Amino acid sequence: MQQQANAIVQTLKSKGLRVTPQRFAVYANLLSRTDHPTVDQILTELNKDFPVSSQATIYSSLQALREAGLVREVLLEEGVCRYDANVEPHHHFCCRQCGGIEDIGWDTFQYIQLKSLRPGLRGETYEVTVQGLCDRCDSETSEVKTQ
């Protein structure tokens, strides 16, 4: 546990960030999750253990972490911004029934040639979002149909 805390402190410092308790808590929280939480979800989770966090503090911590390249915003649904500490290129799967989000490896799909876009469009990056049913929801749906 202490080793992980030291690694987080070193990572923040290596990116030129001042290590504040709130910034540390937000980053540690994101590193421990795979669900791509919203600001409100992070706030709720942190206030269980650290009841002095405010929404503004979470936003400013996330902005600093994002600008340092330690987290990224993930826009998987209209009007909802989620955050991910996995900044390596990857895609996402979103379950339309339970709302679960899972990372999909970058090499799952063939590389998209951004230079193949029509003249006048200059693609810089892309991400694929696959929508459907996760295995848990799919098996629940199958069970209901067989009954």
C-alpha atoms as a PDB file:
ATOM      1  CA  MET A   1       0.000   0.000   0.000  1.00  0.00           C
ATOM      2  CA  GLN A   2       2.777   2.441   0.951  1.00  0.00           C
ATOM      3  CA  GLN A   3       4.674   1.447  -2.184  1.00  0.00           C
ATOM      4  CA  GLN A   4       1.638   2.334  -4.321  1.00  0.00           C
ATOM      5  CA  ALA A   5       1.246   5.678  -2.510  1.00  0.00           C
ATOM      6  CA  ASN A   6       4.914   6.465  -3.119  1.00  0.00           C
ATOM      7  CA  ALA A   7       4.502   5.590  -6.806  1.00  0.00           C
ATOM      8  CA  ILE A   8       1.535   7.961  -7.090  1.00  0.00           C
ATOM      9  CA  VAL A   9       3.486  10.769  -5.418  1.00  0.00           C
ATOM     10  CA  GLN A  10       6.446  10.189  -7.737  1.00  0.00           C
ATOM     11  CA  THR A  11       4.192  10.138 -10.806  1.00  0.00           C
ATOM     12  CA  LEU A  12       2.541  13.422  -9.837  1.00  0.00           C
ATOM     13  CA  LYS A  13       5.906  15.047  -9.148  1.00  0.00           C
ATOM     14  CA  SER A  14       7.408  13.733 -12.393  1.00  0.00           C
ATOM     15  CA  LYS A  15       4.640  15.528 -14.281  1.00  0.00           C
ATOM     16  CA  GLY A  16       5.394  18.774 -12.460  1.00  0.00           C
ATOM     17  CA  LEU A  17       2.285  18.660 -10.298  1.00  0.00           C
ATOM     18  CA  ARG A  18       2.163  19.771  -6.712  1.00  0.00           C
ATOM     19  CA  VAL A  19       1.031  16.844  -4.578  1.00  0.00           C
ATOM     20  CA  THR A  20      -2.051  17.921  -2.676  1.00  0.00           C
ATOM     21  CA  PRO A  21      -4.176  15.526  -0.618  1.00  0.00           C
ATOM     22  CA  GLN A  22      -7.122  16.066  -2.967  1.00  0.00           C
ATOM     23  CA  ARG A  23      -5.116  15.578  -6.172  1.00  0.00           C
ATOM     24  CA  PHE A  24      -3.526  12.467  -4.685  1.00  0.00           C
ATOM     25  CA  ALA A  25      -6.956  11.117  -3.657  1.00  0.00           C
ATOM     26  CA  VAL A  26      -8.534  11.769  -7.075  1.00  0.00           C
ATOM     27  CA  TYR A  27      -5.664  10.128  -8.957  1.00  0.00           C
ATOM     28  CA  ALA A  28      -5.483   7.163  -6.575  1.00  0.00           C
ATOM     29  CA  ASN A  29      -9.237   6.708  -6.912  1.00  0.00           C
ATOM     30  CA  LEU A  30      -9.079   6.693 -10.705  1.00  0.00           C
ATOM     31  CA  LEU A  31      -6.153   4.269 -10.734  1.00  0.00           C
ATOM     32  CA  SER A  32      -8.163   1.821  -8.638  1.00  0.00           C
ATOM     33  CA  ARG A  33     -11.216   1.879 -10.936  1.00  0.00           C
ATOM     34  CA  THR A  34     -12.127   0.494 -14.319  1.00  0.00           C
ATOM     35  CA  ASP A  35     -15.664   1.927 -14.492  1.00  0.00           C
ATOM     36  CA  HIS A  36     -14.799   5.341 -15.998  1.00  0.00           C
ATOM     37  CA  PRO A  37     -16.539   7.409 -13.299  1.00  0.00           C
ATOM     38  CA  THR A  38     -18.151  10.820 -13.558  1.00  0.00           C
ATOM     39  CA  VAL A  39     -17.152  13.724 -11.307  1.00  0.00           C
ATOM     40  CA  ASP A  40     -20.151  13.016  -9.077  1.00  0.00           C
ATOM     41  CA  GLN A  41     -19.193   9.353  -8.735  1.00  0.00           C
ATOM     42  CA  ILE A  42     -15.621  10.299  -7.800  1.00  0.00           C
ATOM     43  CA  LEU A  43     -16.909  12.880  -5.313  1.00  0.00           C
ATOM     44  CA  THR A  44     -19.252  10.367  -3.665  1.00  0.00           C
ATOM     45  CA  GLU A  45     -16.510   7.761  -3.388  1.00  0.00           C
ATOM     46  CA  LEU A  46     -13.920  10.193  -2.020  1.00  0.00           C
ATOM     47  CA  ASN A  47     -16.260  11.753   0.503  1.00  0.00           C
ATOM     48  CA  LYS A  48     -16.725   8.353   2.112  1.00  0.00           C
ATOM     49  CA  ASP A  49     -13.098   8.537   3.270  1.00  0.00           C
ATOM     50  CA  PHE A  50     -12.174  12.187   2.748  1.00  0.00           C
ATOM     51  CA  PRO A  51     -15.294  14.253   3.538  1.00  0.00           C
ATOM     52  CA  VAL A  52     -13.794  17.633   2.706  1.00  0.00           C
ATOM     53  CA  SER A  53     -13.816  17.257  -1.073  1.00  0.00           C
ATOM     54  CA  SER A  54     -16.085  19.505  -3.113  1.00  0.00           C
ATOM     55  CA  GLN A  55     -17.168  19.212  -6.714  1.00  0.00           C
ATOM     56  CA  ALA A  56     -14.990  22.221  -7.592  1.00  0.00           C
ATOM     57  CA  THR A  57     -11.961  20.540  -6.006  1.00  0.00           C
ATOM     58  CA  ILE A  58     -12.587  17.354  -7.976  1.00  0.00           C
ATOM     59  CA  TYR A  59     -12.942  19.332 -11.212  1.00  0.00           C
ATOM     60  CA  SER A  60      -9.728  21.296 -10.629  1.00  0.00           C
ATOM     61  CA  SER A  61      -7.822  18.137  -9.658  1.00  0.00           C
ATOM     62  CA  LEU A  62      -9.062  16.349 -12.777  1.00  0.00           C
ATOM     63  CA  GLN A  63      -8.144  19.313 -14.961  1.00  0.00           C
ATOM     64  CA  ALA A  64      -4.591  19.345 -13.609  1.00  0.00           C
ATOM     65  CA  LEU A  65      -4.270  15.563 -14.018  1.00  0.00           C
ATOM     66  CA  ARG A  66      -5.670  15.756 -17.550  1.00  0.00           C
ATOM     67  CA  GLU A  67      -3.344  18.584 -18.569  1.00  0.00           C
ATOM     68  CA  ALA A  68      -0.412  16.555 -17.200  1.00  0.00           C
ATOM     69  CA  GLY A  69      -1.481  13.586 -19.344  1.00  0.00           C
ATOM     70  CA  LEU A  70      -2.310  11.329 -16.394  1.00  0.00           C
ATOM     71  CA  VAL A  71      -6.044  10.998 -17.024  1.00  0.00           C
ATOM     72  CA  ARG A  72      -8.299  11.508 -19.973  1.00  0.00           C
ATOM     73  CA  GLU A  73     -11.872  12.525 -20.496  1.00  0.00           C
ATOM     74  CA  VAL A  74     -14.062   9.883 -22.056  1.00  0.00           C
ATOM     75  CA  LEU A  75     -17.258  10.959 -23.789  1.00  0.00           C
ATOM     76  CA  LEU A  76     -19.327   7.819 -24.264  1.00  0.00           C
ATOM     77  CA  GLU A  77     -22.794   9.290 -23.929  1.00  0.00           C
ATOM     78  CA  GLU A  78     -24.220  12.701 -24.668  1.00  0.00           C
ATOM     79  CA  GLY A  79     -23.704  15.237 -21.907  1.00  0.00           C
ATOM     80  CA  VAL A  80     -21.759  12.896 -19.608  1.00  0.00           C
ATOM     81  CA  CYS A  81     -18.033  13.256 -19.129  1.00  0.00           C
ATOM     82  CA  ARG A  82     -16.254  10.289 -17.595  1.00  0.00           C
ATOM     83  CA  TYR A  83     -12.621   9.970 -16.553  1.00  0.00           C
ATOM     84  CA  ASP A  84     -10.060   7.245 -17.117  1.00  0.00           C
ATOM     85  CA  ALA A  85      -6.548   6.855 -15.702  1.00  0.00           C
ATOM     86  CA  ASN A  86      -5.695   4.487 -18.548  1.00  0.00           C
ATOM     87  CA  VAL A  87      -4.201   6.962 -20.991  1.00  0.00           C
ATOM     88  CA  GLU A  88      -2.865   4.314 -23.369  1.00  0.00           C
ATOM     89  CA  PRO A  89      -4.781   4.152 -26.666  1.00  0.00           C
ATOM     90  CA  HIS A  90      -7.802   1.880 -26.305  1.00  0.00           C
ATOM     91  CA  HIS A  91     -11.448   1.599 -27.285  1.00  0.00           C
ATOM     92  CA  HIS A  92     -14.579   1.084 -25.174  1.00  0.00           C
ATOM     93  CA  PHE A  93     -17.537  -1.265 -24.915  1.00  0.00           C
ATOM     94  CA  CYS A  94     -20.752   0.142 -23.391  1.00  0.00           C
ATOM     95  CA  CYS A  95     -23.543  -2.166 -22.274  1.00  0.00           C
ATOM     96  CA  ARG A  96     -26.870  -0.673 -23.300  1.00  0.00           C
ATOM     97  CA  GLN A  97     -28.688  -2.478 -20.489  1.00  0.00           C
ATOM     98  CA  CYS A  98     -26.583  -2.073 -17.315  1.00  0.00           C
ATOM     99  CA  GLY A  99     -24.466   0.885 -18.464  1.00  0.00           C
ATOM    100  CA  GLY A 100     -21.224  -0.954 -17.755  1.00  0.00           C
ATOM    101  CA  ILE A 101     -18.117   0.246 -19.564  1.00  0.00           C
ATOM    102  CA  GLU A 102     -15.143  -1.913 -20.446  1.00  0.00           C
ATOM    103  CA  ASP A 103     -11.860  -1.140 -22.115  1.00  0.00           C
ATOM    104  CA  ILE A 104     -11.168  -2.851 -25.434  1.00  0.00           C
ATOM    105  CA  GLY A 105      -7.578  -3.289 -26.588  1.00  0.00           C
ATOM    106  CA  TRP A 106      -6.349  -0.916 -29.270  1.00  0.00           C
ATOM    107  CA  ASP A 107      -5.356  -3.768 -31.574  1.00  0.00           C
ATOM    108  CA  THR A 108      -8.827  -5.368 -31.479  1.00  0.00           C
ATOM    109  CA  PHE A 109      -9.750  -3.514 -34.662  1.00  0.00           C
ATOM    110  CA  GLN A 110      -7.833  -2.854 -37.835  1.00  0.00           C
ATOM    111  CA  TYR A 111      -6.031   0.452 -37.883  1.00  0.00           C
ATOM    112  CA  ILE A 112      -8.081   3.250 -39.444  1.00  0.00           C
ATOM    113  CA  GLN A 113      -6.177   5.212 -42.066  1.00  0.00           C
ATOM    114  CA  LEU A 114      -6.899   8.793 -41.059  1.00  0.00           C
ATOM    115  CA  LYS A 115      -5.198   9.985 -44.243  1.00  0.00           C
ATOM    116  CA  SER A 116      -8.025   8.278 -46.176  1.00  0.00           C
ATOM    117  CA  LEU A 117     -10.536  10.889 -45.092  1.00  0.00           C
ATOM    118  CA  ARG A 118     -11.859  13.180 -47.782  1.00  0.00           C
ATOM    119  CA  PRO A 119      -9.733  16.192 -48.708  1.00  0.00           C
ATOM    120  CA  GLY A 120     -10.219  19.004 -46.229  1.00  0.00           C
ATOM    121  CA  LEU A 121     -10.494  16.713 -43.219  1.00  0.00           C
ATOM    122  CA  ARG A 122      -7.402  16.172 -41.132  1.00  0.00           C
ATOM    123  CA  GLY A 123      -7.953  13.362 -38.652  1.00  0.00           C
ATOM    124  CA  GLU A 124      -5.701  13.344 -35.621  1.00  0.00           C
ATOM    125  CA  THR A 125      -7.057  10.580 -33.431  1.00  0.00           C
ATOM    126  CA  TYR A 126      -9.988   8.246 -33.097  1.00  0.00           C
ATOM    127  CA  GLU A 127     -11.623   5.891 -30.663  1.00  0.00           C
ATOM    128  CA  VAL A 128     -14.186   3.182 -31.323  1.00  0.00           C
ATOM    129  CA  THR A 129     -17.158   2.788 -28.980  1.00  0.00           C
ATOM    130  CA  VAL A 130     -18.954  -0.533 -29.286  1.00  0.00           C
ATOM    131  CA  GLN A 131     -22.489  -0.655 -27.870  1.00  0.00           C
ATOM    132  CA  GLY A 132     -24.364  -3.825 -27.070  1.00  0.00           C
ATOM    133  CA  LEU A 133     -24.943  -6.263 -24.225  1.00  0.00           C
ATOM    134  CA  CYS A 134     -22.269  -7.433 -21.811  1.00  0.00           C
ATOM    135  CA  ASP A 135     -22.073 -11.151 -21.056  1.00  0.00           C
ATOM    136  CA  ARG A 136     -23.943 -10.751 -17.748  1.00  0.00           C
ATOM    137  CA  CYS A 137     -26.871  -8.847 -19.285  1.00  0.00           C
ATOM    138  CA  ASP A 138     -26.898 -11.084 -22.355  1.00  0.00           C
ATOM    139  CA  SER A 139     -27.230 -14.213 -20.196  1.00  0.00           C
ATOM    140  CA  GLU A 140     -30.002 -12.564 -18.142  1.00  0.00           C
ATOM    141  CA  THR A 141     -31.849 -11.686 -21.363  1.00  0.00           C
ATOM    142  CA  SER A 142     -31.389 -15.251 -22.643  1.00  0.00           C
ATOM    143  CA  GLU A 143     -32.729 -16.692 -19.370  1.00  0.00           C
ATOM    144  CA  VAL A 144     -35.846 -14.497 -19.545  1.00  0.00           C
ATOM    145  CA  LYS A 145     -36.519 -15.591 -23.150  1.00  0.00           C
ATOM    146  CA  THR A 146     -36.257 -19.302 -22.268  1.00  0.00           C
ATOM    147  CA  GLN A 147     -38.663 -19.095 -19.332  1.00  0.00           C
END
